[in-house]
């Protein structure tokens, strides 16, 4: 696995630590974040708790919530799962990495199962902001409709100038972050959004 991939897959670990203990992510890099002057999404992380689902780590382990290769939507490159594990040894979190055979196209899927929807609502803004810090430049920042109860999408380039799309969203007591990076061509935002939708559907289906 390349150094670039290892760097990409470290994102989720930093994201989770910003919520639990503070990492050199959203808080300590805010003053030097190249994307800080970029467009900011409209309303996110509202004060009202995000509604269902309400999951339990005992009945719906977070490892069953994260995407697998078979869950990925059609329309993208052929990918294999290359990593899986807790994010920075944080309980009730899962981080999975997917890549094509040439390692030019990569997806990171991060899922955090919070103790309650209210806790997830409180944590969401930090996870969203930590996602934004993974961009050197942000050319578009929007709040996608019909994705969770709150969602933010960033489109731009990462610190190695690769095309990147990052989507963070909250669904009940679950927060998810999807990062799609392509070092060979621009990332298709529609496919990144389809990956996020697949993750959202998998979370929602865990309550049925």
N, C-alpha and C. Protein backbone atom coordinates (compact mmCIF):
# COMPACT_ATOMS: atom_id res chain seq x y z
N UNK A 1 0.84 -1.18 0.00
CA UNK A 1 0.00 0.00 0.00
C UNK A 1 0.88 1.24 0.00
N UNK A 2 0.50 2.23 -0.80
CA UNK A 2 1.34 3.41 -0.92
C UNK A 2 1.20 4.31 0.29
N UNK A 3 2.16 5.21 0.43
CA UNK A 3 2.10 6.20 1.51
C UNK A 3 0.88 7.08 1.35
N UNK A 4 0.52 7.38 0.10
CA UNK A 4 -0.65 8.21 -0.14
C UNK A 4 -1.89 7.55 0.42
N UNK A 5 -2.03 6.25 0.19
CA UNK A 5 -3.19 5.55 0.71
C UNK A 5 -3.19 5.54 2.23
N UNK A 6 -2.05 5.31 2.83
CA UNK A 6 -1.99 5.29 4.30
C UNK A 6 -2.39 6.65 4.85
N UNK A 7 -1.97 7.72 4.18
CA UNK A 7 -2.35 9.06 4.64
C UNK A 7 -3.85 9.26 4.53
N UNK A 8 -4.42 8.83 3.41
CA UNK A 8 -5.85 8.96 3.23
C UNK A 8 -6.62 8.22 4.31
N UNK A 9 -6.18 7.01 4.61
CA UNK A 9 -6.91 6.20 5.57
C UNK A 9 -6.71 6.66 7.00
N UNK A 10 -5.83 7.60 7.24
CA UNK A 10 -5.66 8.14 8.58
C UNK A 10 -6.67 9.23 8.88
N UNK A 11 -7.41 9.67 7.87
CA UNK A 11 -8.32 10.80 8.06
C UNK A 11 -9.34 10.50 9.13
N UNK A 12 -10.01 9.36 9.03
CA UNK A 12 -11.06 9.04 9.97
C UNK A 12 -10.56 8.97 11.39
N UNK A 13 -9.36 8.47 11.59
CA UNK A 13 -8.81 8.40 12.94
C UNK A 13 -8.71 9.78 13.54
N UNK A 14 -8.28 10.73 12.74
CA UNK A 14 -8.16 12.11 13.23
C UNK A 14 -9.54 12.69 13.47
N UNK A 15 -10.49 12.38 12.60
CA UNK A 15 -11.83 12.90 12.73
C UNK A 15 -12.44 12.49 14.06
N UNK A 16 -12.32 11.22 14.42
CA UNK A 16 -12.91 10.76 15.66
C UNK A 16 -12.24 11.39 16.86
N UNK A 17 -10.92 11.54 16.83
CA UNK A 17 -10.21 12.10 17.98
C UNK A 17 -10.61 13.54 18.21
N UNK A 18 -10.97 14.28 17.17
CA UNK A 18 -11.37 15.67 17.39
C UNK A 18 -12.60 15.73 18.29
N UNK A 19 -13.42 14.70 18.26
CA UNK A 19 -14.61 14.68 19.10
C UNK A 19 -14.26 14.25 20.51
N UNK A 20 -13.39 13.24 20.65
CA UNK A 20 -13.16 12.66 21.95
C UNK A 20 -12.03 13.27 22.73
N UNK A 21 -10.97 13.72 22.05
CA UNK A 21 -9.82 14.20 22.81
C UNK A 21 -9.09 15.35 22.14
N UNK A 22 -9.44 15.71 20.94
CA UNK A 22 -8.72 16.77 20.24
C UNK A 22 -7.50 16.23 19.54
N UNK A 23 -7.45 16.41 18.23
CA UNK A 23 -6.37 15.88 17.41
C UNK A 23 -5.86 17.05 16.60
N UNK A 24 -4.80 16.94 15.91
CA UNK A 24 -4.35 18.09 15.13
C UNK A 24 -5.24 18.29 13.94
N UNK A 25 -6.51 18.10 14.09
CA UNK A 25 -7.46 18.21 13.00
C UNK A 25 -8.15 19.55 12.98
N UNK A 26 -9.46 19.52 13.27
CA UNK A 26 -10.25 20.73 13.09
C UNK A 26 -9.80 21.86 14.00
N UNK A 27 -9.49 21.56 15.24
CA UNK A 27 -9.21 22.64 16.18
C UNK A 27 -7.84 23.25 15.97
N UNK A 28 -6.78 22.44 15.94
CA UNK A 28 -5.44 23.01 15.91
C UNK A 28 -5.02 23.48 14.54
N UNK A 29 -5.70 23.05 13.48
CA UNK A 29 -5.28 23.47 12.15
C UNK A 29 -6.20 24.54 11.58
N UNK A 30 -7.20 24.95 12.34
CA UNK A 30 -8.18 25.88 11.78
C UNK A 30 -7.52 27.17 11.29
N UNK A 31 -6.54 27.69 12.01
CA UNK A 31 -5.95 28.95 11.62
C UNK A 31 -5.12 28.87 10.35
N UNK A 32 -4.64 27.66 10.02
CA UNK A 32 -3.81 27.52 8.83
C UNK A 32 -4.48 26.69 7.76
N UNK A 33 -5.76 26.38 7.93
CA UNK A 33 -6.48 25.56 6.98
C UNK A 33 -6.63 26.31 5.66
N UNK A 34 -6.06 25.78 4.56
CA UNK A 34 -6.17 26.50 3.28
C UNK A 34 -7.60 26.64 2.81
N UNK A 35 -8.50 25.77 3.30
CA UNK A 35 -9.88 25.82 2.84
C UNK A 35 -10.74 26.75 3.69
N UNK A 36 -10.16 27.40 4.67
CA UNK A 36 -10.95 28.18 5.61
C UNK A 36 -11.67 29.35 4.94
N UNK A 37 -11.13 29.83 3.82
CA UNK A 37 -11.76 30.94 3.13
C UNK A 37 -12.70 30.48 2.04
N UNK A 38 -12.89 29.17 1.92
CA UNK A 38 -13.73 28.62 0.87
C UNK A 38 -15.20 28.73 1.25
N UNK A 39 -16.11 28.45 0.30
CA UNK A 39 -17.53 28.52 0.61
C UNK A 39 -17.88 27.61 1.77
N UNK A 40 -18.81 28.05 2.59
CA UNK A 40 -19.24 27.25 3.74
C UNK A 40 -20.66 26.79 3.50
N UNK A 41 -20.97 25.52 3.82
CA UNK A 41 -22.33 25.03 3.61
C UNK A 41 -23.32 25.84 4.42
N UNK A 42 -24.57 25.78 4.01
CA UNK A 42 -25.61 26.42 4.77
C UNK A 42 -25.86 25.62 6.04
N UNK A 43 -26.99 25.80 6.67
CA UNK A 43 -27.24 25.26 8.01
C UNK A 43 -26.87 23.80 8.15
N UNK A 44 -26.12 23.48 9.20
CA UNK A 44 -25.72 22.12 9.49
C UNK A 44 -25.63 21.94 10.99
N UNK A 45 -25.76 20.70 11.46
CA UNK A 45 -25.59 20.41 12.87
C UNK A 45 -26.57 21.20 13.71
N UNK A 46 -27.87 21.06 13.42
CA UNK A 46 -28.87 21.81 14.15
C UNK A 46 -28.92 21.39 15.61
N UNK A 47 -29.56 22.22 16.43
CA UNK A 47 -29.61 21.95 17.87
C UNK A 47 -30.58 20.83 18.21
N UNK A 48 -31.55 20.60 17.35
CA UNK A 48 -32.52 19.53 17.59
C UNK A 48 -31.92 18.19 17.20
N UNK A 49 -32.12 17.21 18.07
CA UNK A 49 -31.55 15.88 17.80
C UNK A 49 -32.10 15.31 16.51
N UNK A 50 -31.22 14.72 15.73
CA UNK A 50 -31.60 14.07 14.49
C UNK A 50 -32.44 12.83 14.81
N UNK A 51 -33.50 12.61 14.08
CA UNK A 51 -34.42 11.51 14.37
C UNK A 51 -33.81 10.15 14.03
N UNK A 52 -34.64 9.13 14.00
CA UNK A 52 -34.23 7.74 13.81
C UNK A 52 -33.12 7.61 12.77
N UNK A 53 -32.37 6.51 12.77
CA UNK A 53 -32.55 5.36 13.68
C UNK A 53 -31.88 5.54 15.03
N UNK A 54 -32.37 4.79 15.99
CA UNK A 54 -31.72 4.68 17.30
C UNK A 54 -31.18 3.26 17.39
N UNK A 55 -29.88 3.13 17.30
CA UNK A 55 -29.26 1.81 17.25
C UNK A 55 -28.56 1.50 18.55
N UNK A 56 -28.26 0.25 18.74
CA UNK A 56 -27.50 -0.20 19.90
C UNK A 56 -26.29 -0.96 19.42
N UNK A 57 -25.15 -0.71 20.06
CA UNK A 57 -23.94 -1.41 19.66
C UNK A 57 -24.08 -2.91 19.87
N UNK A 58 -24.97 -3.30 20.79
CA UNK A 58 -25.16 -4.74 21.05
C UNK A 58 -25.99 -5.39 19.95
N UNK A 59 -27.04 -4.70 19.49
CA UNK A 59 -27.92 -5.30 18.48
C UNK A 59 -27.49 -4.95 17.07
N UNK A 60 -26.84 -3.81 16.88
CA UNK A 60 -26.38 -3.38 15.56
C UNK A 60 -24.93 -2.92 15.66
N UNK A 61 -23.99 -3.86 15.73
CA UNK A 61 -22.56 -3.47 15.83
C UNK A 61 -22.18 -2.56 14.68
N UNK A 62 -21.31 -1.60 14.97
CA UNK A 62 -20.92 -0.64 13.95
C UNK A 62 -20.25 -1.33 12.77
N UNK A 63 -19.63 -2.47 13.01
CA UNK A 63 -18.99 -3.20 11.91
C UNK A 63 -20.01 -3.70 10.90
N UNK A 64 -21.28 -3.82 11.31
CA UNK A 64 -22.32 -4.24 10.39
C UNK A 64 -22.95 -3.06 9.66
N UNK A 65 -22.59 -1.85 10.08
CA UNK A 65 -23.14 -0.66 9.46
C UNK A 65 -22.28 -0.14 8.32
N UNK A 66 -20.97 -0.36 8.38
CA UNK A 66 -20.07 0.14 7.35
C UNK A 66 -20.26 -0.62 6.04
N UNK A 67 -19.93 0.05 4.95
CA UNK A 67 -20.10 -0.55 3.62
C UNK A 67 -19.12 -1.69 3.38
N UNK A 68 -19.53 -2.60 2.52
CA UNK A 68 -18.66 -3.65 1.99
C UNK A 68 -18.58 -3.44 0.48
N UNK A 69 -17.74 -4.20 -0.19
CA UNK A 69 -17.61 -4.06 -1.65
C UNK A 69 -18.95 -4.29 -2.33
N UNK A 70 -19.72 -5.26 -1.85
CA UNK A 70 -21.00 -5.56 -2.49
C UNK A 70 -22.03 -4.45 -2.28
N UNK A 71 -21.81 -3.59 -1.29
CA UNK A 71 -22.73 -2.47 -1.04
C UNK A 71 -22.45 -1.27 -1.94
N UNK A 72 -21.25 -1.21 -2.52
CA UNK A 72 -20.90 -0.04 -3.33
C UNK A 72 -21.79 0.04 -4.57
N UNK A 73 -22.22 1.22 -4.93
CA UNK A 73 -23.14 1.37 -6.07
C UNK A 73 -22.44 1.14 -7.40
N UNK A 74 -23.21 0.81 -8.43
CA UNK A 74 -22.62 0.67 -9.77
C UNK A 74 -22.23 2.04 -10.31
N UNK A 75 -21.42 2.04 -11.35
CA UNK A 75 -21.06 3.29 -12.01
C UNK A 75 -19.67 3.77 -11.70
N UNK A 76 -18.99 3.12 -10.76
CA UNK A 76 -17.63 3.50 -10.43
C UNK A 76 -16.64 2.44 -10.88
N UNK A 77 -15.38 2.63 -10.54
CA UNK A 77 -14.36 1.65 -10.92
C UNK A 77 -14.49 0.37 -10.10
N UNK A 78 -13.85 -0.67 -10.55
CA UNK A 78 -13.81 -1.92 -9.79
C UNK A 78 -12.90 -1.72 -8.58
N UNK A 79 -13.45 -1.96 -7.39
CA UNK A 79 -12.71 -1.69 -6.16
C UNK A 79 -12.63 -2.93 -5.28
N UNK A 80 -11.59 -2.98 -4.47
CA UNK A 80 -11.43 -4.03 -3.47
C UNK A 80 -11.29 -3.37 -2.10
N UNK A 81 -11.75 -4.08 -1.06
CA UNK A 81 -11.55 -3.57 0.29
C UNK A 81 -10.10 -3.82 0.70
N UNK A 82 -9.43 -2.78 1.18
CA UNK A 82 -8.01 -2.92 1.52
C UNK A 82 -7.73 -2.72 3.00
N UNK A 83 -8.72 -2.25 3.75
CA UNK A 83 -8.50 -2.06 5.19
C UNK A 83 -9.82 -2.06 5.94
N UNK A 84 -9.74 -2.35 7.22
CA UNK A 84 -10.92 -2.33 8.08
C UNK A 84 -10.44 -2.30 9.52
N UNK A 85 -11.02 -1.43 10.32
CA UNK A 85 -10.66 -1.38 11.73
C UNK A 85 -11.26 -0.18 12.43
N UNK A 86 -11.11 -0.14 13.74
CA UNK A 86 -11.56 1.01 14.50
C UNK A 86 -10.76 2.25 14.10
N UNK A 87 -11.37 3.39 14.25
CA UNK A 87 -10.69 4.64 13.96
C UNK A 87 -9.97 5.09 15.22
N UNK A 88 -8.65 5.03 15.18
CA UNK A 88 -7.83 5.44 16.31
C UNK A 88 -8.21 4.71 17.59
N UNK A 89 -8.54 3.41 17.45
CA UNK A 89 -8.90 2.57 18.60
C UNK A 89 -10.10 3.11 19.37
N UNK A 90 -10.98 3.79 18.67
CA UNK A 90 -12.18 4.34 19.29
C UNK A 90 -13.32 3.34 19.20
N UNK A 91 -13.91 3.02 20.35
CA UNK A 91 -15.01 2.05 20.38
C UNK A 91 -16.19 2.54 19.56
N UNK A 92 -16.94 1.58 19.00
CA UNK A 92 -18.13 1.88 18.21
C UNK A 92 -17.84 2.78 17.01
N UNK A 93 -16.69 2.55 16.40
CA UNK A 93 -16.35 3.23 15.15
C UNK A 93 -15.76 2.21 14.20
N UNK A 94 -15.92 2.46 12.93
CA UNK A 94 -15.34 1.57 11.92
C UNK A 94 -14.88 2.41 10.74
N UNK A 95 -13.72 2.07 10.22
CA UNK A 95 -13.14 2.75 9.07
C UNK A 95 -12.73 1.70 8.05
N UNK A 96 -13.27 1.82 6.86
CA UNK A 96 -12.94 0.88 5.79
C UNK A 96 -12.40 1.64 4.58
N UNK A 97 -11.41 1.03 3.97
CA UNK A 97 -10.80 1.62 2.78
C UNK A 97 -11.00 0.72 1.58
N UNK A 98 -11.24 1.32 0.44
CA UNK A 98 -11.42 0.60 -0.82
C UNK A 98 -10.53 1.27 -1.87
N UNK A 99 -10.00 0.49 -2.80
CA UNK A 99 -9.13 1.04 -3.85
C UNK A 99 -9.20 0.18 -5.10
N UNK A 100 -8.89 0.82 -6.24
CA UNK A 100 -8.76 0.04 -7.47
C UNK A 100 -7.38 -0.60 -7.51
N UNK A 101 -7.15 -1.44 -8.48
CA UNK A 101 -5.92 -2.23 -8.51
C UNK A 101 -4.68 -1.34 -8.67
N UNK A 102 -4.84 -0.19 -9.32
CA UNK A 102 -3.69 0.71 -9.51
C UNK A 102 -3.55 1.72 -8.37
N UNK A 103 -4.47 1.66 -7.41
CA UNK A 103 -4.43 2.54 -6.23
C UNK A 103 -4.52 4.02 -6.61
N UNK A 104 -5.18 4.32 -7.72
CA UNK A 104 -5.38 5.72 -8.11
C UNK A 104 -6.74 6.22 -7.68
N UNK A 105 -7.65 5.31 -7.39
CA UNK A 105 -9.01 5.67 -6.99
C UNK A 105 -9.28 5.04 -5.64
N UNK A 106 -9.63 5.86 -4.66
CA UNK A 106 -9.76 5.36 -3.29
C UNK A 106 -11.02 5.90 -2.62
N UNK A 107 -11.61 5.06 -1.81
CA UNK A 107 -12.77 5.46 -1.01
C UNK A 107 -12.47 5.13 0.44
N UNK A 108 -12.74 6.08 1.31
CA UNK A 108 -12.69 5.82 2.74
C UNK A 108 -14.10 5.98 3.29
N UNK A 109 -14.55 5.00 4.05
CA UNK A 109 -15.89 5.02 4.64
C UNK A 109 -15.74 4.95 6.16
N UNK A 110 -16.11 6.02 6.85
CA UNK A 110 -16.00 6.10 8.31
C UNK A 110 -17.39 6.14 8.92
N UNK A 111 -17.62 5.31 9.93
CA UNK A 111 -18.91 5.26 10.60
C UNK A 111 -18.70 5.32 12.10
N UNK A 112 -19.44 6.20 12.77
CA UNK A 112 -19.38 6.33 14.23
C UNK A 112 -20.77 6.15 14.79
N UNK A 113 -20.92 5.21 15.72
CA UNK A 113 -22.20 4.98 16.40
C UNK A 113 -22.12 5.65 17.77
N UNK A 114 -22.82 6.77 17.92
CA UNK A 114 -22.81 7.52 19.17
C UNK A 114 -23.81 6.92 20.17
N UNK A 115 -23.71 7.30 21.45
CA UNK A 115 -24.62 6.75 22.46
C UNK A 115 -26.08 7.15 22.23
N UNK A 116 -26.31 8.29 21.58
CA UNK A 116 -27.67 8.76 21.34
C UNK A 116 -27.67 9.71 20.16
N UNK A 117 -28.88 10.00 19.65
CA UNK A 117 -29.00 10.96 18.56
C UNK A 117 -28.57 12.34 19.02
N UNK A 118 -28.85 12.68 20.28
CA UNK A 118 -28.47 13.99 20.79
C UNK A 118 -26.94 14.12 20.83
N UNK A 119 -26.25 13.05 21.25
CA UNK A 119 -24.79 13.07 21.26
C UNK A 119 -24.24 13.20 19.84
N UNK A 120 -24.86 12.50 18.90
CA UNK A 120 -24.41 12.59 17.51
C UNK A 120 -24.63 13.99 16.96
N UNK A 121 -25.74 14.62 17.33
CA UNK A 121 -26.01 15.98 16.89
C UNK A 121 -24.95 16.94 17.42
N UNK A 122 -24.52 16.71 18.66
CA UNK A 122 -23.48 17.56 19.24
C UNK A 122 -22.13 17.32 18.59
N UNK A 123 -21.85 16.06 18.21
CA UNK A 123 -20.56 15.71 17.62
C UNK A 123 -20.46 16.07 16.14
N UNK A 124 -21.59 16.10 15.46
CA UNK A 124 -21.57 16.23 14.01
C UNK A 124 -20.78 17.44 13.49
N UNK A 125 -20.95 18.64 14.04
CA UNK A 125 -20.21 19.78 13.48
C UNK A 125 -18.70 19.59 13.49
N UNK A 126 -18.16 18.92 14.52
CA UNK A 126 -16.72 18.71 14.57
C UNK A 126 -16.28 17.71 13.50
N UNK A 127 -17.08 16.68 13.28
CA UNK A 127 -16.74 15.71 12.23
C UNK A 127 -16.84 16.35 10.85
N UNK A 128 -17.85 17.17 10.66
CA UNK A 128 -17.99 17.89 9.39
C UNK A 128 -16.79 18.80 9.16
N UNK A 129 -16.41 19.56 10.18
CA UNK A 129 -15.29 20.49 10.02
C UNK A 129 -13.97 19.75 9.82
N UNK A 130 -13.81 18.61 10.50
CA UNK A 130 -12.59 17.82 10.32
C UNK A 130 -12.52 17.26 8.90
N UNK A 131 -13.67 16.92 8.33
CA UNK A 131 -13.70 16.46 6.95
C UNK A 131 -13.21 17.57 6.02
N UNK A 132 -13.64 18.80 6.28
CA UNK A 132 -13.24 19.92 5.43
C UNK A 132 -11.74 20.17 5.50
N UNK A 133 -11.12 19.90 6.65
CA UNK A 133 -9.69 20.17 6.77
C UNK A 133 -8.85 19.22 5.91
N UNK A 134 -9.46 18.18 5.36
CA UNK A 134 -8.72 17.27 4.49
C UNK A 134 -8.54 17.86 3.09
N UNK A 135 -9.09 19.04 2.85
CA UNK A 135 -9.00 19.70 1.55
C UNK A 135 -8.00 20.86 1.61
N UNK A 136 -7.17 20.94 0.59
CA UNK A 136 -6.32 22.11 0.43
C UNK A 136 -7.12 23.24 -0.20
N UNK A 137 -8.00 22.88 -1.14
CA UNK A 137 -8.90 23.86 -1.76
C UNK A 137 -10.29 23.24 -1.86
N UNK A 138 -11.29 24.05 -1.59
CA UNK A 138 -12.68 23.63 -1.73
C UNK A 138 -13.32 24.52 -2.80
N UNK A 139 -13.80 23.90 -3.86
CA UNK A 139 -14.42 24.66 -4.95
C UNK A 139 -15.93 24.70 -4.81
N UNK A 140 -16.48 23.76 -4.04
CA UNK A 140 -17.93 23.72 -3.84
C UNK A 140 -18.22 23.13 -2.47
N UNK A 141 -19.16 23.75 -1.77
CA UNK A 141 -19.60 23.23 -0.47
C UNK A 141 -21.11 23.37 -0.41
N UNK A 142 -21.79 22.24 -0.28
CA UNK A 142 -23.25 22.24 -0.30
C UNK A 142 -23.79 21.35 0.80
N UNK A 143 -25.10 21.42 1.00
CA UNK A 143 -25.80 20.56 1.96
C UNK A 143 -26.75 19.68 1.16
N UNK A 144 -26.35 18.46 0.80
CA UNK A 144 -27.18 17.61 -0.04
C UNK A 144 -28.52 17.29 0.63
N UNK A 145 -29.56 17.33 -0.18
CA UNK A 145 -30.89 16.96 0.31
C UNK A 145 -31.03 15.44 0.29
N UNK A 146 -31.97 14.94 1.07
CA UNK A 146 -32.32 13.52 1.09
C UNK A 146 -31.14 12.64 1.46
N UNK A 147 -30.28 13.13 2.34
CA UNK A 147 -29.17 12.33 2.84
C UNK A 147 -29.08 12.56 4.35
N UNK A 148 -29.49 11.55 5.12
CA UNK A 148 -29.51 11.71 6.55
C UNK A 148 -30.45 12.83 6.95
N UNK A 149 -30.29 13.35 8.16
CA UNK A 149 -31.10 14.50 8.58
C UNK A 149 -30.28 15.77 8.51
N UNK A 150 -28.97 15.64 8.33
CA UNK A 150 -28.09 16.77 8.07
C UNK A 150 -26.89 16.24 7.30
N UNK A 151 -26.45 16.98 6.30
CA UNK A 151 -25.35 16.48 5.46
C UNK A 151 -24.59 17.67 4.87
N UNK A 152 -23.31 17.46 4.62
CA UNK A 152 -22.44 18.46 4.02
C UNK A 152 -21.52 17.78 3.02
N UNK A 153 -21.38 18.40 1.85
CA UNK A 153 -20.53 17.86 0.80
C UNK A 153 -19.49 18.90 0.40
N UNK A 154 -18.24 18.47 0.30
CA UNK A 154 -17.13 19.32 -0.12
C UNK A 154 -16.52 18.73 -1.38
N UNK A 155 -16.26 19.58 -2.35
CA UNK A 155 -15.62 19.16 -3.60
C UNK A 155 -14.40 20.04 -3.81
N UNK A 156 -13.27 19.43 -4.14
CA UNK A 156 -12.06 20.21 -4.37
C UNK A 156 -10.86 19.32 -4.53
N UNK A 157 -9.73 19.74 -3.95
CA UNK A 157 -8.49 18.97 -4.05
C UNK A 157 -7.88 18.80 -2.67
N UNK A 158 -7.23 17.65 -2.47
CA UNK A 158 -6.57 17.42 -1.19
C UNK A 158 -5.18 18.04 -1.21
N UNK A 159 -4.40 17.76 -0.17
CA UNK A 159 -3.11 18.43 -0.03
C UNK A 159 -2.06 17.93 -1.02
N UNK A 160 -2.36 16.83 -1.72
CA UNK A 160 -1.46 16.37 -2.77
C UNK A 160 -2.01 16.73 -4.15
N UNK A 161 -3.00 17.64 -4.16
CA UNK A 161 -3.61 18.17 -5.39
C UNK A 161 -4.41 17.13 -6.16
N UNK A 162 -4.83 16.06 -5.48
CA UNK A 162 -5.70 15.07 -6.11
C UNK A 162 -7.15 15.51 -5.95
N UNK A 163 -7.95 15.19 -6.96
CA UNK A 163 -9.38 15.48 -6.90
C UNK A 163 -10.01 14.71 -5.74
N UNK A 164 -10.87 15.38 -4.98
CA UNK A 164 -11.46 14.75 -3.80
C UNK A 164 -12.88 15.26 -3.56
N UNK A 165 -13.74 14.35 -3.14
CA UNK A 165 -15.08 14.70 -2.68
C UNK A 165 -15.25 14.12 -1.30
N UNK A 166 -15.71 14.93 -0.36
CA UNK A 166 -15.96 14.47 1.00
C UNK A 166 -17.39 14.77 1.39
N UNK A 167 -18.05 13.77 1.95
CA UNK A 167 -19.44 13.92 2.37
C UNK A 167 -19.57 13.44 3.80
N UNK A 168 -20.08 14.30 4.67
CA UNK A 168 -20.37 13.94 6.05
C UNK A 168 -21.88 14.04 6.26
N UNK A 169 -22.44 13.10 7.00
CA UNK A 169 -23.87 13.20 7.30
C UNK A 169 -24.19 12.48 8.61
N UNK A 170 -25.32 12.86 9.17
CA UNK A 170 -25.81 12.24 10.40
C UNK A 170 -27.14 11.58 10.13
N UNK A 171 -27.30 10.38 10.64
CA UNK A 171 -28.56 9.64 10.54
C UNK A 171 -28.86 9.10 11.93
N UNK A 172 -29.72 9.78 12.67
CA UNK A 172 -30.01 9.35 14.04
C UNK A 172 -28.78 9.45 14.92
N UNK A 173 -28.42 8.32 15.53
CA UNK A 173 -27.25 8.32 16.41
C UNK A 173 -25.98 7.88 15.70
N UNK A 174 -26.00 7.90 14.36
CA UNK A 174 -24.85 7.49 13.56
C UNK A 174 -24.35 8.67 12.73
N UNK A 175 -23.03 8.84 12.71
CA UNK A 175 -22.38 9.83 11.85
C UNK A 175 -21.50 9.07 10.87
N UNK A 176 -21.56 9.45 9.61
CA UNK A 176 -20.75 8.81 8.59
C UNK A 176 -20.00 9.85 7.77
N UNK A 177 -18.81 9.48 7.33
CA UNK A 177 -18.01 10.33 6.45
C UNK A 177 -17.53 9.46 5.28
N UNK A 178 -17.75 9.93 4.08
CA UNK A 178 -17.28 9.25 2.87
C UNK A 178 -16.31 10.18 2.16
N UNK A 179 -15.09 9.70 1.91
CA UNK A 179 -14.09 10.47 1.17
C UNK A 179 -13.71 9.69 -0.07
N UNK A 180 -13.79 10.34 -1.22
CA UNK A 180 -13.45 9.70 -2.49
C UNK A 180 -12.32 10.52 -3.12
N UNK A 181 -11.22 9.85 -3.46
CA UNK A 181 -10.04 10.51 -4.02
C UNK A 181 -9.64 9.83 -5.32
N UNK A 182 -9.31 10.65 -6.31
CA UNK A 182 -8.84 10.11 -7.59
C UNK A 182 -7.59 10.89 -8.00
N UNK A 183 -6.47 10.20 -8.10
CA UNK A 183 -5.22 10.86 -8.47
C UNK A 183 -5.03 10.93 -9.98
N UNK A 184 -5.93 10.28 -10.74
CA UNK A 184 -5.76 10.22 -12.20
C UNK A 184 -6.76 11.08 -12.96
N UNK A 185 -7.86 11.46 -12.32
CA UNK A 185 -8.91 12.22 -13.00
C UNK A 185 -9.82 12.84 -11.94
N UNK A 186 -10.69 13.76 -12.34
CA UNK A 186 -11.61 14.34 -11.36
C UNK A 186 -12.58 13.28 -10.82
N UNK A 187 -12.89 13.37 -9.55
CA UNK A 187 -13.89 12.50 -8.94
C UNK A 187 -15.27 12.94 -9.44
N UNK A 188 -16.09 11.97 -9.81
CA UNK A 188 -17.46 12.26 -10.20
C UNK A 188 -18.29 12.45 -8.93
N UNK A 189 -18.76 13.68 -8.64
CA UNK A 189 -19.53 13.89 -7.42
C UNK A 189 -20.78 13.01 -7.34
N UNK A 190 -21.38 12.70 -8.49
CA UNK A 190 -22.59 11.88 -8.49
C UNK A 190 -22.30 10.49 -7.93
N UNK A 191 -21.12 9.94 -8.25
CA UNK A 191 -20.79 8.62 -7.73
C UNK A 191 -20.48 8.70 -6.24
N UNK A 192 -19.77 9.75 -5.81
CA UNK A 192 -19.50 9.92 -4.39
C UNK A 192 -20.80 10.04 -3.61
N UNK A 193 -21.75 10.77 -4.16
CA UNK A 193 -23.05 10.91 -3.51
C UNK A 193 -23.79 9.58 -3.48
N UNK A 194 -23.63 8.78 -4.52
CA UNK A 194 -24.27 7.46 -4.54
C UNK A 194 -23.68 6.55 -3.46
N UNK A 195 -22.36 6.67 -3.23
CA UNK A 195 -21.73 5.90 -2.16
C UNK A 195 -22.30 6.33 -0.81
N UNK A 196 -22.43 7.64 -0.60
CA UNK A 196 -23.00 8.15 0.65
C UNK A 196 -24.44 7.70 0.81
N UNK A 197 -25.20 7.70 -0.26
CA UNK A 197 -26.58 7.23 -0.19
C UNK A 197 -26.64 5.75 0.17
N UNK A 198 -25.72 4.95 -0.38
CA UNK A 198 -25.67 3.53 -0.04
C UNK A 198 -25.36 3.34 1.43
N UNK A 199 -24.45 4.17 1.96
CA UNK A 199 -24.15 4.10 3.39
C UNK A 199 -25.35 4.51 4.23
N UNK A 200 -26.04 5.54 3.81
CA UNK A 200 -27.22 6.00 4.53
C UNK A 200 -28.30 4.91 4.55
N UNK A 201 -28.51 4.28 3.41
CA UNK A 201 -29.52 3.22 3.34
C UNK A 201 -29.17 2.03 4.22
N UNK A 202 -27.86 1.74 4.31
CA UNK A 202 -27.46 0.61 5.15
C UNK A 202 -27.68 0.92 6.62
N UNK A 203 -27.43 2.17 7.00
CA UNK A 203 -27.71 2.57 8.38
C UNK A 203 -29.19 2.49 8.68
N UNK A 204 -30.00 3.05 7.76
CA UNK A 204 -31.44 3.06 7.98
C UNK A 204 -32.02 1.66 8.03
N UNK A 205 -31.49 0.76 7.21
CA UNK A 205 -32.02 -0.60 7.17
C UNK A 205 -31.69 -1.40 8.41
N UNK A 206 -30.73 -0.92 9.21
CA UNK A 206 -30.33 -1.64 10.43
C UNK A 206 -31.45 -1.60 11.48
N UNK A 207 -32.42 -0.71 11.32
CA UNK A 207 -33.50 -0.61 12.29
C UNK A 207 -34.69 -1.45 11.89
N UNK A 208 -34.67 -2.04 10.71
CA UNK A 208 -35.82 -2.80 10.25
C UNK A 208 -35.62 -4.28 10.46
